[in-house]
Amino acid sequence: MAKSDWYKEMAVYQIWPRSFCDGNGDGIGDLWGVLEKLDYIKSLNVDAIWFSPLFPSPNADYGYDISDYMDIHPDYGNLEVFRQVLDGAHARGMRVFMDLVVNHTSDEHRWFVESRKSKDNPYHDYYFWRKGRLTRRGRRLPPNNWSSIFEGGAWEYDAKLDEYYLHVFAKKQPDLNMANPRVRDEVKNILRFWLDMGVDGFREDVITFIAKDEGLPNSYPVLPVANGVNHYANRPKAHEYLKEFKREVLDFYDCFTVGESPMTSPEVALSYIAEGENKVLDEMIAFSHMEADCFMLDMIQLPFNLVKMKKAFSEWQYKLHGKAWNALYIENHDHPRIISRYGSEEYRTESGKMLAAMYILQRGTPFVYQGQEIGMLNINLPELGMYKDVMAENNIDIATRFLPRSTAMKLLARSSRDNARTPFQWDDSRNAGFTTGTPWFFVNENYREINAAQQEEDPNSLLNFYRAILKFRKESPVAIWGDYKEYFPKDKNFYVYERSYEGKRLLVICSFTRKALRFDAPEGFDLGAGRLVFANYESNFFIMNGFTSRPYEMRVYLFE
């Protein structure tokens, strides 16, 4: 099968390794744990595993601050056990993707350690080192007015060099200077290292940030968060660098690439992923549908707006149709748990099934995040000192400029990335079966009610629903290749869309409310002529081509 087909037909399971499964009892998830669970992952009917970073790292941003791109973090194992996992996945017919993080390194990476030794060190220009500015009174200021997304200002001063280095994320994540051809050669070597080992592709972290505007100019108007982003997000050189990586490395392998791209529209995404000679990535991870309850950042919360969410999904569906392929997701390591956000903890199983059908049956490659398939929920930590995420303190610092601290803490509890990073709930034994040791992070206290072992035994569980719907997608050309058409886009309670292919049609009906509301099928659909292939309730009657919805009800009809 040609590559152009296989990545479109696959489903991907994302592992955040620190919290997946601990195989050696030290309290930290690792590759020995993954090795134990390969059959479980395969049972989900996914075709690939994407690992969040496994590389050596000081863990300032839990792996997204890399100190060695060509090794495995000792917490997770070593290259030998990684090869066992790789071989085990391949033997089960699953591909393996690594996380490529080349916008920045750790400040403990050898390149950066060398770069700060002297201004004439050959590694100095691997990063953005710049002189500061002086006010008329002699006060030292950073080279420009950019702010970090994670920690205060975007510049850190080094007294020995009398220079600042740029970090658009954490202080321990200095940005690489991709304009330096030696840096691009290093990236090519990283790609070749893992591809030659047998890895099947990469999820590329904030890959559209890798090019900065020449001269690093000040940014106006000044934003409270990520000021300067207009000078490093989706700049023209980013496409040029990615084309170089593709031409000189990736084109020689049958591999897959998906880019993470905050603040990117479908039109901009097409410049990277549209089929043709200018294509540099296979897919792009969109953010807009995750802004249905917030403004840009999860911390800046608004009431959930279904119309806004639907518009975001449909815009990507329509604008990419016939030109490029979508990446579909509702959870990952960077967002709170989706049932706690867009669904209902009270109707956990019902809303979990509804949300799964809502996104998996769209046109694109579905990504499932660990724990999503069993309906793991937010942990809602009450005190700032309990959080591990580097973003938490920055978010509170910014929020308390405008809000009482108690309000800011409630926002953080609902929005923190740590909600998605609690240990996987395998069973109802001590520590949710995640570890025999002391867990590195808090286990959600609901693990006795929400765990994989319990759901294995229940044919109507959310876990078994994920297995069923991913199997259906795999076996149903209409679910993979079908055209997408949304109905009732202004409806504030129902998300309804059709997939159509070679005379077959799927009608997906999703209620986003607990209210009992009358639903009438769109014109051209006779529910009596369709086969109900998925539902999250029993007794799915209809009267006069419609029904009264139950809380978070979902129905999927197939018309042949």
Protein backbone atom coordinates (compact mmCIF):
# COMPACT_ATOMS: atom_id res chain seq x y z
CA MET A 1 0.00 0.00 0.00
CA ALA A 2 1.31 3.41 -0.93
CA LYS A 3 2.10 5.83 1.85
CA SER A 4 -0.56 8.18 0.53
CA ASP A 5 -3.10 5.56 1.58
CA TRP A 6 -1.77 4.08 4.80
CA TYR A 7 -1.62 7.19 6.94
CA LYS A 8 -5.14 8.15 5.88
CA GLU A 9 -6.55 4.82 6.97
CA MET A 10 -4.77 4.54 10.32
CA ALA A 11 -5.78 5.47 13.87
CA VAL A 12 -3.07 6.55 16.34
CA TYR A 13 -2.69 6.04 20.11
CA GLN A 14 -0.70 8.69 21.96
CA ILE A 15 1.43 7.66 24.94
CA TRP A 16 2.71 10.22 27.44
CA PRO A 17 5.28 7.78 28.80
CA ARG A 18 5.76 9.10 32.33
CA SER A 19 2.15 8.29 33.24
CA PHE A 20 1.29 5.26 31.10
CA CYS A 21 2.59 2.16 32.90
CA ASP A 22 5.50 1.60 35.30
CA GLY A 23 7.28 -1.66 34.54
CA ASN A 24 10.11 -1.48 37.09
CA GLY A 25 8.37 -0.22 40.21
CA ASP A 26 10.11 3.16 40.57
CA GLY A 27 6.87 5.15 40.29
CA ILE A 28 7.54 6.44 36.76
CA GLY A 29 5.98 5.07 33.58
CA ASP A 30 8.53 3.50 31.25
CA LEU A 31 9.14 1.40 28.15
CA TRP A 32 9.04 -1.85 30.11
CA GLY A 33 5.49 -0.89 31.03
CA VAL A 34 4.67 -0.13 27.38
CA LEU A 35 6.09 -3.52 26.39
CA GLU A 36 3.66 -5.19 28.82
CA LYS A 37 0.73 -3.28 27.35
CA LEU A 38 1.32 -3.68 23.60
CA ASP A 39 -1.48 -6.24 23.33
CA TYR A 40 -3.84 -3.86 25.12
CA ILE A 41 -2.92 -1.03 22.71
CA LYS A 42 -3.40 -3.33 19.72
CA SER A 43 -6.81 -4.40 21.11
CA LEU A 44 -8.04 -0.82 20.71
CA ASN A 45 -7.90 -1.28 16.91
CA VAL A 46 -5.30 1.43 16.42
CA ASP A 47 -2.55 1.16 13.83
CA ALA A 48 0.21 3.28 15.34
CA ILE A 49 1.68 4.59 18.59
CA TRP A 50 2.90 8.15 18.98
CA PHE A 51 5.28 8.61 21.88
CA SER A 52 5.54 11.98 23.57
CA PRO A 53 9.28 12.57 24.11
CA LEU A 54 11.27 9.60 25.38
CA PHE A 55 14.63 11.37 25.16
CA PRO A 56 16.97 12.37 28.01
CA SER A 57 15.65 15.56 29.60
CA PRO A 58 15.87 17.53 32.87
CA ASN A 59 12.04 17.55 32.70
CA ALA A 60 11.54 21.29 33.00
CA ASP A 61 8.70 20.66 30.52
CA TYR A 62 8.51 16.88 30.97
CA GLY A 63 10.47 15.77 27.94
CA TYR A 64 9.87 18.76 25.69
CA ASP A 65 13.22 20.09 26.87
CA ILE A 66 15.62 17.60 25.28
CA SER A 67 19.24 17.18 26.35
CA ASP A 68 20.09 14.34 23.91
CA TYR A 69 18.11 13.60 20.75
CA MET A 70 19.67 10.20 20.08
CA ASP A 71 19.07 8.32 23.31
CA ILE A 72 16.32 7.29 25.75
CA HIS A 73 15.75 8.92 29.14
CA PRO A 74 17.00 6.53 31.88
CA ASP A 75 13.61 6.95 33.60
CA TYR A 76 12.05 5.21 30.60
CA GLY A 77 14.71 2.61 29.81
CA ASN A 78 17.37 2.57 27.12
CA LEU A 79 17.77 2.05 23.39
CA GLU A 80 17.69 -1.72 23.84
CA VAL A 81 14.23 -1.78 25.42
CA PHE A 82 13.05 0.85 22.93
CA ARG A 83 14.05 -1.53 20.13
CA GLN A 84 12.05 -4.27 21.85
CA VAL A 85 9.00 -1.99 21.95
CA LEU A 86 9.56 -1.01 18.31
CA ASP A 87 9.88 -4.62 17.22
CA GLY A 88 6.90 -5.63 19.36
CA ALA A 89 4.73 -2.93 17.84
CA HIS A 90 5.80 -3.85 14.32
CA ALA A 91 5.14 -7.54 15.00
CA ARG A 92 1.57 -6.56 15.94
CA GLY A 93 1.12 -4.50 12.79
CA MET A 94 1.48 -1.13 14.50
CA ARG A 95 3.76 1.70 13.45
CA VAL A 96 5.71 3.90 15.88
CA PHE A 97 6.10 7.69 15.71
CA MET A 98 8.49 9.79 17.79
CA ASP A 99 8.06 13.38 18.96
CA LEU A 100 10.42 15.70 17.09
CA VAL A 101 11.13 18.78 19.24
CA VAL A 102 13.49 21.06 17.32
CA ASN A 103 12.16 24.55 17.96
CA HIS A 104 14.23 24.45 21.15
CA THR A 105 16.48 22.19 23.24
CA SER A 106 17.13 21.92 26.95
CA ASP A 107 19.63 24.37 28.39
CA GLU A 108 21.45 21.21 29.49
CA HIS A 109 21.93 19.99 25.92
CA ARG A 110 25.60 19.80 24.94
CA TRP A 111 25.05 22.35 22.16
CA PHE A 112 23.75 24.97 24.56
CA VAL A 113 26.35 24.24 27.22
CA GLU A 114 28.99 24.88 24.54
CA SER A 115 27.18 27.92 23.15
CA ARG A 116 27.38 29.81 26.44
CA LYS A 117 31.12 29.19 26.95
CA SER A 118 32.15 32.05 24.68
CA LYS A 119 30.91 34.22 21.83
CA ASP A 120 33.32 32.61 19.38
CA ASN A 121 32.37 29.03 20.31
CA PRO A 122 31.21 27.19 17.15
CA TYR A 123 27.91 26.38 18.92
CA HIS A 124 27.18 29.97 19.92
CA ASP A 125 25.18 30.59 16.75
CA TYR A 126 23.10 27.44 17.30
CA TYR A 127 20.92 29.69 19.48
CA PHE A 128 19.70 33.29 19.53
CA TRP A 129 22.27 35.12 21.64
CA ARG A 130 21.86 38.89 21.53
CA LYS A 131 23.17 41.99 23.31
CA GLY A 132 20.67 43.78 25.50
CA ARG A 133 19.47 47.36 25.18
CA LEU A 134 20.26 50.24 27.53
CA THR A 135 17.86 52.96 28.60
CA ARG A 136 19.04 56.58 28.80
CA ARG A 137 19.64 56.00 32.50
CA GLY A 138 21.76 52.94 31.80
CA ARG A 139 19.20 50.33 32.79
CA ARG A 140 19.70 47.06 30.94
CA LEU A 141 16.75 45.72 28.93
CA PRO A 142 16.29 42.51 26.89
CA PRO A 143 16.95 42.64 23.11
CA ASN A 144 13.23 43.02 22.34
CA ASN A 145 9.83 43.06 24.05
CA TRP A 146 8.79 39.46 23.38
CA SER A 147 7.28 37.44 26.22
CA SER A 148 7.49 33.72 26.85
CA ILE A 149 4.48 31.43 26.51
CA PHE A 150 5.55 29.58 29.67
CA GLU A 151 7.69 31.84 31.88
CA GLY A 152 7.73 35.62 31.97
CA GLY A 153 9.90 37.37 29.40
CA ALA A 154 11.35 35.57 26.39
CA TRP A 155 14.97 36.48 27.17
CA GLU A 156 17.36 35.24 29.85
CA TYR A 157 20.52 37.15 30.75
CA ASP A 158 23.95 35.50 31.00
CA ALA A 159 26.31 37.74 33.01
CA LYS A 160 29.47 35.99 31.82
CA LEU A 161 28.71 36.64 28.16
CA ASP A 162 26.82 39.87 28.79
CA GLU A 163 24.21 38.53 26.35
CA TYR A 164 20.67 37.24 26.45
CA TYR A 165 19.34 34.00 24.94
CA LEU A 166 15.85 33.63 23.48
CA HIS A 167 13.30 31.16 24.89
CA VAL A 168 9.71 31.47 23.68
CA PHE A 169 8.78 28.66 26.09
CA ALA A 170 10.44 27.92 29.47
CA LYS A 171 13.75 29.43 30.59
CA LYS A 172 15.30 25.99 30.30
CA GLN A 173 14.13 25.70 26.65
CA PRO A 174 16.40 27.96 24.56
CA ASP A 175 15.27 28.35 20.96
CA LEU A 176 17.41 26.88 18.21
CA ASN A 177 18.54 29.17 15.40
CA MET A 178 17.26 27.23 12.42
CA ALA A 179 18.69 29.85 10.06
CA ASN A 180 22.08 28.33 10.82
CA PRO A 181 22.65 25.54 8.24
CA ARG A 182 24.63 23.55 10.82
CA VAL A 183 21.52 23.39 13.01
CA ARG A 184 19.47 22.11 10.09
CA ASP A 185 22.12 19.46 9.44
CA GLU A 186 21.79 18.37 13.08
CA VAL A 187 18.01 17.98 12.59
CA LYS A 188 18.60 15.84 9.50
CA ASN A 189 20.95 13.62 11.49
CA ILE A 190 18.28 13.19 14.19
CA LEU A 191 15.69 12.24 11.59
CA ARG A 192 17.99 9.70 9.95
CA PHE A 193 19.01 8.18 13.30
CA TRP A 194 15.46 7.22 14.25
CA LEU A 195 14.25 6.35 10.74
CA ASP A 196 17.24 4.05 10.22
CA MET A 197 16.35 2.34 13.49
CA GLY A 198 12.89 1.60 12.08
CA VAL A 199 10.73 4.40 13.47
CA ASP A 200 7.86 5.20 11.08
CA GLY A 201 7.56 8.96 11.39
CA PHE A 202 7.26 12.00 13.61
CA ARG A 203 4.84 14.29 15.37
CA GLU A 204 6.67 17.61 15.05
CA ASP A 205 6.30 19.88 18.10
CA VAL A 206 5.42 23.57 17.44
CA ILE A 207 7.11 23.06 14.10
CA THR A 208 5.70 26.25 12.60
CA PHE A 209 7.67 28.30 15.19
CA ILE A 210 11.09 27.25 13.90
CA ALA A 211 11.69 30.39 11.79
CA LYS A 212 12.04 33.81 13.43
CA ASP A 213 11.81 37.13 11.61
CA GLU A 214 15.22 38.52 10.76
CA GLY A 215 16.37 41.12 13.28
CA LEU A 216 13.91 39.84 15.93
CA PRO A 217 11.92 43.12 15.96
CA ASN A 218 9.75 44.41 18.81
CA SER A 219 6.10 43.38 18.62
CA TYR A 220 3.11 45.73 18.91
CA PRO A 221 0.45 45.89 20.22
CA VAL A 222 1.87 44.22 23.31
CA LEU A 223 0.01 41.04 24.26
CA PRO A 224 -0.18 39.76 27.87
CA VAL A 225 0.84 36.27 26.69
CA ALA A 226 3.20 35.25 23.85
CA ASN A 227 3.97 38.78 22.75
CA GLY A 228 6.05 38.48 19.59
CA VAL A 229 4.30 35.38 18.28
CA ASN A 230 3.56 37.21 15.01
CA HIS A 231 7.32 37.26 14.39
CA TYR A 232 7.84 33.50 14.76
CA ALA A 233 4.58 31.69 13.96
CA ASN A 234 4.24 30.47 10.37
CA ARG A 235 7.00 32.62 8.92
CA PRO A 236 7.95 31.94 5.27
CA LYS A 237 11.32 30.38 6.15
CA ALA A 238 9.60 27.63 8.17
CA HIS A 239 8.22 26.15 4.97
CA GLU A 240 11.63 26.41 3.35
CA TYR A 241 13.33 24.54 6.22
CA LEU A 242 10.70 21.80 6.25
CA LYS A 243 11.02 21.36 2.50
CA GLU A 244 14.77 20.89 2.98
CA PHE A 245 14.20 18.19 5.62
CA LYS A 246 11.73 16.44 3.34
CA ARG A 247 13.86 16.65 0.21
CA GLU A 248 17.11 15.56 1.86
CA VAL A 249 15.82 12.99 4.38
CA LEU A 250 12.13 12.15 4.64
CA ASP A 251 11.57 11.44 0.95
CA PHE A 252 13.98 8.52 1.23
CA TYR A 253 11.75 6.74 3.79
CA ASP A 254 8.14 5.53 3.85
CA CYS A 255 7.30 7.67 6.85
CA PHE A 256 4.59 9.94 8.24
CA THR A 257 4.78 13.51 9.58
CA VAL A 258 2.18 15.51 11.47
CA GLY A 259 2.94 19.06 12.55
CA GLU A 260 1.74 20.84 15.66
CA SER A 261 0.81 24.37 14.73
CA PRO A 262 -0.81 26.73 17.25
CA MET A 263 -2.72 29.70 15.86
CA THR A 264 -2.95 28.24 12.35
CA SER A 265 -5.95 28.53 10.02
CA PRO A 266 -6.90 25.88 7.43
CA GLU A 267 -5.65 28.20 4.70
CA VAL A 268 -2.20 28.49 6.31
CA ALA A 269 -2.15 24.75 7.05
CA LEU A 270 -2.70 24.04 3.35
CA SER A 271 0.60 25.75 2.54
CA TYR A 272 2.27 22.88 4.44
CA ILE A 273 0.00 19.87 3.82
CA ALA A 274 -1.76 20.33 0.46
CA GLU A 275 -1.07 17.47 -1.92
CA GLY A 276 1.52 18.39 -4.52
CA GLU A 277 5.14 19.40 -4.90
CA ASN A 278 5.01 22.01 -2.11
CA LYS A 279 3.73 19.57 0.51
CA VAL A 280 6.15 19.37 3.47
CA LEU A 281 3.98 17.60 6.09
CA ASP A 282 1.26 14.96 5.85
CA GLU A 283 -1.12 16.47 8.40
CA MET A 284 -1.47 19.45 10.73
CA ILE A 285 -2.77 19.41 14.30
CA ALA A 286 -5.44 22.13 14.55
CA PHE A 287 -6.25 24.03 17.74
CA SER A 288 -9.42 25.95 16.87
CA HIS A 289 -11.92 23.27 17.94
CA MET A 290 -10.23 23.24 21.39
CA GLU A 291 -11.11 26.92 21.81
CA ALA A 292 -14.86 26.35 22.16
CA ASP A 293 -14.63 27.07 25.91
CA CYS A 294 -11.72 29.50 26.01
CA PHE A 295 -9.95 32.37 24.27
CA MET A 296 -6.68 31.14 22.67
CA LEU A 297 -5.42 29.53 25.89
CA ASP A 298 -7.25 26.93 28.03
CA MET A 299 -6.70 29.15 31.10
CA ILE A 300 -8.73 32.06 29.62
CA GLN A 301 -12.08 30.35 30.02
CA LEU A 302 -15.46 31.08 28.48
CA PRO A 303 -18.76 29.14 28.58
CA PHE A 304 -18.70 26.15 26.21
CA ASN A 305 -20.04 27.18 22.80
CA LEU A 306 -21.10 24.25 20.60
CA VAL A 307 -21.67 26.46 17.55
CA LYS A 308 -18.08 27.69 17.80
CA MET A 309 -16.75 24.12 18.10
CA LYS A 310 -18.80 22.91 15.13
CA LYS A 311 -17.70 25.84 13.00
CA ALA A 312 -14.05 25.03 13.73
CA PHE A 313 -14.39 21.34 12.85
CA SER A 314 -16.44 22.03 9.72
CA GLU A 315 -14.11 24.76 8.50
CA TRP A 316 -11.18 22.32 8.51
CA GLN A 317 -13.33 19.59 6.94
CA TYR A 318 -14.57 21.78 4.09
CA LYS A 319 -11.37 23.69 3.36
CA LEU A 320 -9.10 20.63 3.36
CA HIS A 321 -11.51 18.47 1.35
CA GLY A 322 -9.88 17.17 -1.81
CA LYS A 323 -6.67 19.03 -0.99
CA ALA A 324 -5.23 17.60 2.24
CA TRP A 325 -5.94 15.22 5.14
CA ASN A 326 -7.14 16.13 8.63
CA ALA A 327 -5.66 15.10 11.98
CA LEU A 328 -8.58 14.45 14.36
CA TYR A 329 -8.28 14.64 18.15
CA ILE A 330 -10.12 15.84 21.25
CA GLU A 331 -7.50 15.00 23.91
CA ASN A 332 -3.73 15.09 24.24
CA HIS A 333 -1.07 15.89 26.82
CA ASP A 334 -1.59 19.65 26.40
CA HIS A 335 -5.29 19.89 27.30
CA PRO A 336 -7.58 18.93 30.19
CA ARG A 337 -9.73 15.82 29.90
CA ILE A 338 -12.48 16.23 27.31
CA ILE A 339 -15.40 14.76 29.30
CA SER A 340 -14.67 17.31 32.04
CA ARG A 341 -14.58 20.04 29.39
CA TYR A 342 -17.07 19.41 26.61
CA GLY A 343 -19.02 16.51 28.08
CA SER A 344 -20.49 15.71 31.50
CA GLU A 345 -18.85 14.01 34.46
CA GLU A 346 -22.34 13.07 35.67
CA TYR A 347 -23.06 11.36 32.33
CA ARG A 348 -19.50 10.19 31.91
CA THR A 349 -20.07 7.11 29.77
CA GLU A 350 -22.84 8.61 27.66
CA SER A 351 -21.00 11.84 26.91
CA GLY A 352 -17.73 9.95 26.44
CA LYS A 353 -19.28 7.80 23.73
CA MET A 354 -20.91 10.81 22.12
CA LEU A 355 -17.64 12.73 21.99
CA ALA A 356 -15.81 9.71 20.55
CA ALA A 357 -18.30 9.27 17.71
CA MET A 358 -18.41 13.02 17.11
CA TYR A 359 -14.75 13.25 16.13
CA ILE A 360 -13.70 9.72 15.07
CA LEU A 361 -16.31 9.55 12.31
CA GLN A 362 -15.16 12.78 10.66
CA ARG A 363 -12.82 12.67 7.67
CA GLY A 364 -9.22 12.37 8.86
CA THR A 365 -6.80 10.36 11.00
CA PRO A 366 -8.11 9.92 14.56
CA PHE A 367 -5.66 10.26 17.47
CA VAL A 368 -6.64 8.76 20.85
CA TYR A 369 -4.80 9.91 23.99
CA GLN A 370 -4.02 7.45 26.79
CA GLY A 371 -6.90 7.27 29.28
CA GLN A 372 -9.35 8.91 26.89
CA GLU A 373 -10.66 5.46 25.96
CA ILE A 374 -11.69 4.74 29.57
CA GLY A 375 -13.07 8.22 30.27
CA MET A 376 -10.44 9.55 32.65
CA LEU A 377 -11.44 12.89 34.18
CA ASN A 378 -9.76 16.05 35.47
CA ILE A 379 -8.09 15.77 38.87
CA ASN A 380 -8.72 19.42 39.88
CA LEU A 381 -5.76 20.04 42.17
CA PRO A 382 -6.53 22.69 44.83
CA GLU A 383 -3.05 24.10 45.61
CA LEU A 384 -0.40 25.59 43.31
CA GLY A 385 2.36 23.58 44.99
CA MET A 386 0.68 20.35 43.85
CA TYR A 387 1.13 21.13 40.15
CA LYS A 388 4.07 19.79 38.13
CA ASP A 389 3.48 21.68 34.89
CA VAL A 390 5.84 24.58 34.20
CA MET A 391 2.90 26.58 32.80
CA ALA A 392 0.94 26.57 36.07
CA GLU A 393 2.90 29.26 37.91
CA ASN A 394 3.03 31.53 34.85
CA ASN A 395 -0.73 31.19 34.31
CA ILE A 396 -1.44 32.09 37.95
CA ASP A 397 1.00 35.01 37.78
CA ILE A 398 -0.80 36.44 34.75
CA ALA A 399 -4.33 35.64 35.97
CA THR A 400 -3.86 37.24 39.39
CA ARG A 401 -3.09 40.56 37.73
CA PHE A 402 -6.77 40.68 36.77
CA LEU A 403 -8.56 38.25 39.11
CA PRO A 404 -8.66 37.27 42.78
CA ARG A 405 -6.27 34.40 43.51
CA SER A 406 -9.13 32.08 44.51
CA THR A 407 -10.79 32.61 41.12
CA ALA A 408 -7.48 32.12 39.30
CA MET A 409 -6.88 28.83 41.15
CA LYS A 410 -10.32 27.55 40.11
CA LEU A 411 -9.50 28.40 36.49
CA LEU A 412 -6.17 26.61 36.79
CA ALA A 413 -7.78 23.51 38.33
CA ARG A 414 -10.10 23.22 35.32
CA SER A 415 -7.60 24.14 32.62
CA SER A 416 -4.21 22.73 33.66
CA ARG A 417 -2.35 20.30 31.43
CA ASP A 418 -1.66 18.27 34.58
CA ASN A 419 -5.26 17.03 34.35
CA ALA A 420 -4.20 14.90 31.37
CA ARG A 421 -0.97 13.71 32.98
CA THR A 422 -2.20 11.74 35.98
CA PRO A 423 -1.20 8.05 35.96
CA PHE A 424 -3.25 5.72 33.76
CA GLN A 425 -5.96 3.92 35.72
CA TRP A 426 -5.41 0.25 34.92
CA ASP A 427 -7.43 -1.35 37.74
CA ASP A 428 -8.83 -0.75 41.23
CA SER A 429 -5.74 -1.96 43.10
CA ARG A 430 -3.33 0.35 44.91
CA ASN A 431 -2.12 3.25 42.73
CA ALA A 432 -4.65 2.21 40.06
CA GLY A 433 -2.29 -0.59 39.00
CA PHE A 434 0.06 2.01 37.50
CA THR A 435 3.02 1.20 39.78
CA THR A 436 4.04 -0.99 42.70
CA GLY A 437 6.11 1.96 43.97
CA THR A 438 5.26 5.55 44.86
CA PRO A 439 3.70 7.31 41.84
CA TRP A 440 5.61 10.32 40.52
CA PHE A 441 2.32 12.29 40.46
CA PHE A 442 -1.11 12.12 42.05
CA VAL A 443 -3.40 9.27 41.01
CA ASN A 444 -6.99 10.46 40.53
CA GLU A 445 -9.05 9.22 43.46
CA ASN A 446 -11.82 8.05 41.12
CA TYR A 447 -9.69 5.11 39.89
CA ARG A 448 -11.87 2.57 41.73
CA GLU A 449 -14.82 3.58 39.55
CA ILE A 450 -12.88 4.43 36.38
CA ASN A 451 -10.32 1.84 35.30
CA ALA A 452 -9.53 -0.36 32.32
CA ALA A 453 -9.94 -3.72 34.10
CA GLN A 454 -13.52 -2.97 35.10
CA GLN A 455 -14.39 -1.81 31.59
CA GLU A 456 -12.87 -4.93 30.01
CA GLU A 457 -15.67 -6.94 31.66
CA ASP A 458 -18.48 -4.61 30.60
CA PRO A 459 -19.56 -4.97 26.95
CA ASN A 460 -21.24 -1.54 27.13
CA SER A 461 -18.21 0.27 28.56
CA LEU A 462 -16.57 3.29 27.01
CA LEU A 463 -13.41 1.21 26.43
CA ASN A 464 -15.31 -1.35 24.37
CA PHE A 465 -17.10 1.43 22.52
CA TYR A 466 -13.74 2.87 21.43
CA ARG A 467 -12.71 -0.58 20.20
CA ALA A 468 -15.95 -0.95 18.27
CA ILE A 469 -15.98 2.46 16.62
CA LEU A 470 -12.29 2.26 15.62
CA LYS A 471 -12.94 -1.20 14.15
CA PHE A 472 -15.96 0.16 12.27
CA ARG A 473 -13.91 3.03 10.87
CA LYS A 474 -11.16 0.65 9.78
CA GLU A 475 -13.64 -1.56 7.92
CA SER A 476 -15.94 1.14 6.47
CA PRO A 477 -14.81 3.05 3.38
CA VAL A 478 -17.58 5.61 3.97
CA ALA A 479 -16.09 6.42 7.39
CA ILE A 480 -12.61 6.87 5.94
CA TRP A 481 -13.15 8.37 2.52
CA GLY A 482 -16.68 9.81 2.66
CA ASP A 483 -17.47 13.45 1.95
CA TYR A 484 -18.49 15.53 4.98
CA LYS A 485 -21.58 17.72 5.22
CA GLU A 486 -22.79 19.47 8.38
CA TYR A 487 -26.48 20.06 9.14
CA PHE A 488 -28.02 22.69 11.44
CA PRO A 489 -24.74 24.61 12.00
CA LYS A 490 -26.46 27.25 14.17
CA ASP A 491 -28.10 24.70 16.49
CA LYS A 492 -26.77 25.22 20.04
CA ASN A 493 -27.46 21.66 21.23
CA PHE A 494 -26.94 19.17 18.38
CA TYR A 495 -23.94 18.45 16.17
CA VAL A 496 -25.19 16.62 13.08
CA TYR A 497 -23.22 15.65 10.02
CA GLU A 498 -23.27 13.25 7.10
CA ARG A 499 -20.52 11.22 5.48
CA SER A 500 -21.22 9.96 1.96
CA TYR A 501 -19.24 7.63 -0.31
CA GLU A 502 -20.15 5.44 -3.28
CA GLY A 503 -23.86 5.40 -2.53
CA LYS A 504 -23.52 4.88 1.23
CA ARG A 505 -24.26 7.53 3.84
CA LEU A 506 -23.58 7.86 7.55
CA LEU A 507 -25.68 10.22 9.64
CA VAL A 508 -23.98 11.19 12.92
CA ILE A 509 -26.24 12.79 15.56
CA CYS A 510 -24.68 14.13 18.78
CA SER A 511 -26.50 15.92 21.59
CA PHE A 512 -24.36 18.21 23.74
CA THR A 513 -26.99 18.78 26.41
CA ARG A 514 -28.71 16.92 29.23
CA LYS A 515 -32.02 18.52 28.22
CA ALA A 516 -34.73 16.48 26.53
CA LEU A 517 -35.11 18.09 23.12
CA ARG A 518 -36.95 17.11 19.97
CA PHE A 519 -34.64 16.14 17.11
CA ASP A 520 -35.88 15.88 13.53
CA ALA A 521 -33.78 14.17 10.89
CA PRO A 522 -32.40 16.41 8.12
CA GLU A 523 -34.28 16.53 4.86
CA GLY A 524 -33.43 13.53 2.69
CA PHE A 525 -32.96 11.08 5.57
CA ASP A 526 -35.58 8.51 6.54
CA LEU A 527 -34.48 7.05 9.89
CA GLY A 528 -36.64 4.00 9.20
CA ALA A 529 -34.53 3.20 6.14
CA GLY A 530 -31.24 3.44 8.01
CA ARG A 531 -29.44 0.88 10.16
CA LEU A 532 -28.53 2.08 13.63
CA VAL A 533 -24.83 1.20 13.92
CA PHE A 534 -23.98 3.11 17.13
CA ALA A 535 -25.95 4.52 20.05
CA ASN A 536 -25.23 5.26 23.69
CA TYR A 537 -28.67 4.29 25.00
CA GLU A 538 -30.97 1.27 24.65
CA SER A 539 -34.47 1.49 23.14
CA ASN A 540 -33.72 3.84 20.25
CA PHE A 541 -37.22 4.50 18.98
CA PHE A 542 -38.16 7.30 16.64
CA ILE A 543 -41.49 8.94 15.90
CA MET A 544 -42.24 10.90 12.75
CA ASN A 545 -38.61 10.71 11.61
CA GLY A 546 -37.22 12.09 14.86
CA PHE A 547 -36.91 11.50 18.59
CA THR A 548 -36.69 13.22 21.95
CA SER A 549 -33.06 13.24 22.99
CA ARG A 550 -31.74 11.88 26.26
CA PRO A 551 -28.71 13.44 28.03
CA TYR A 552 -25.73 13.56 25.65
CA GLU A 553 -27.42 11.12 23.31
CA MET A 554 -25.59 9.90 20.23
CA ARG A 555 -26.90 7.91 17.29
CA VAL A 556 -25.15 6.90 14.08
CA TYR A 557 -27.26 5.59 11.19
CA LEU A 558 -25.91 3.87 8.08
CA PHE A 559 -27.87 4.18 4.83
CA GLU A 560 -26.93 1.71 2.08
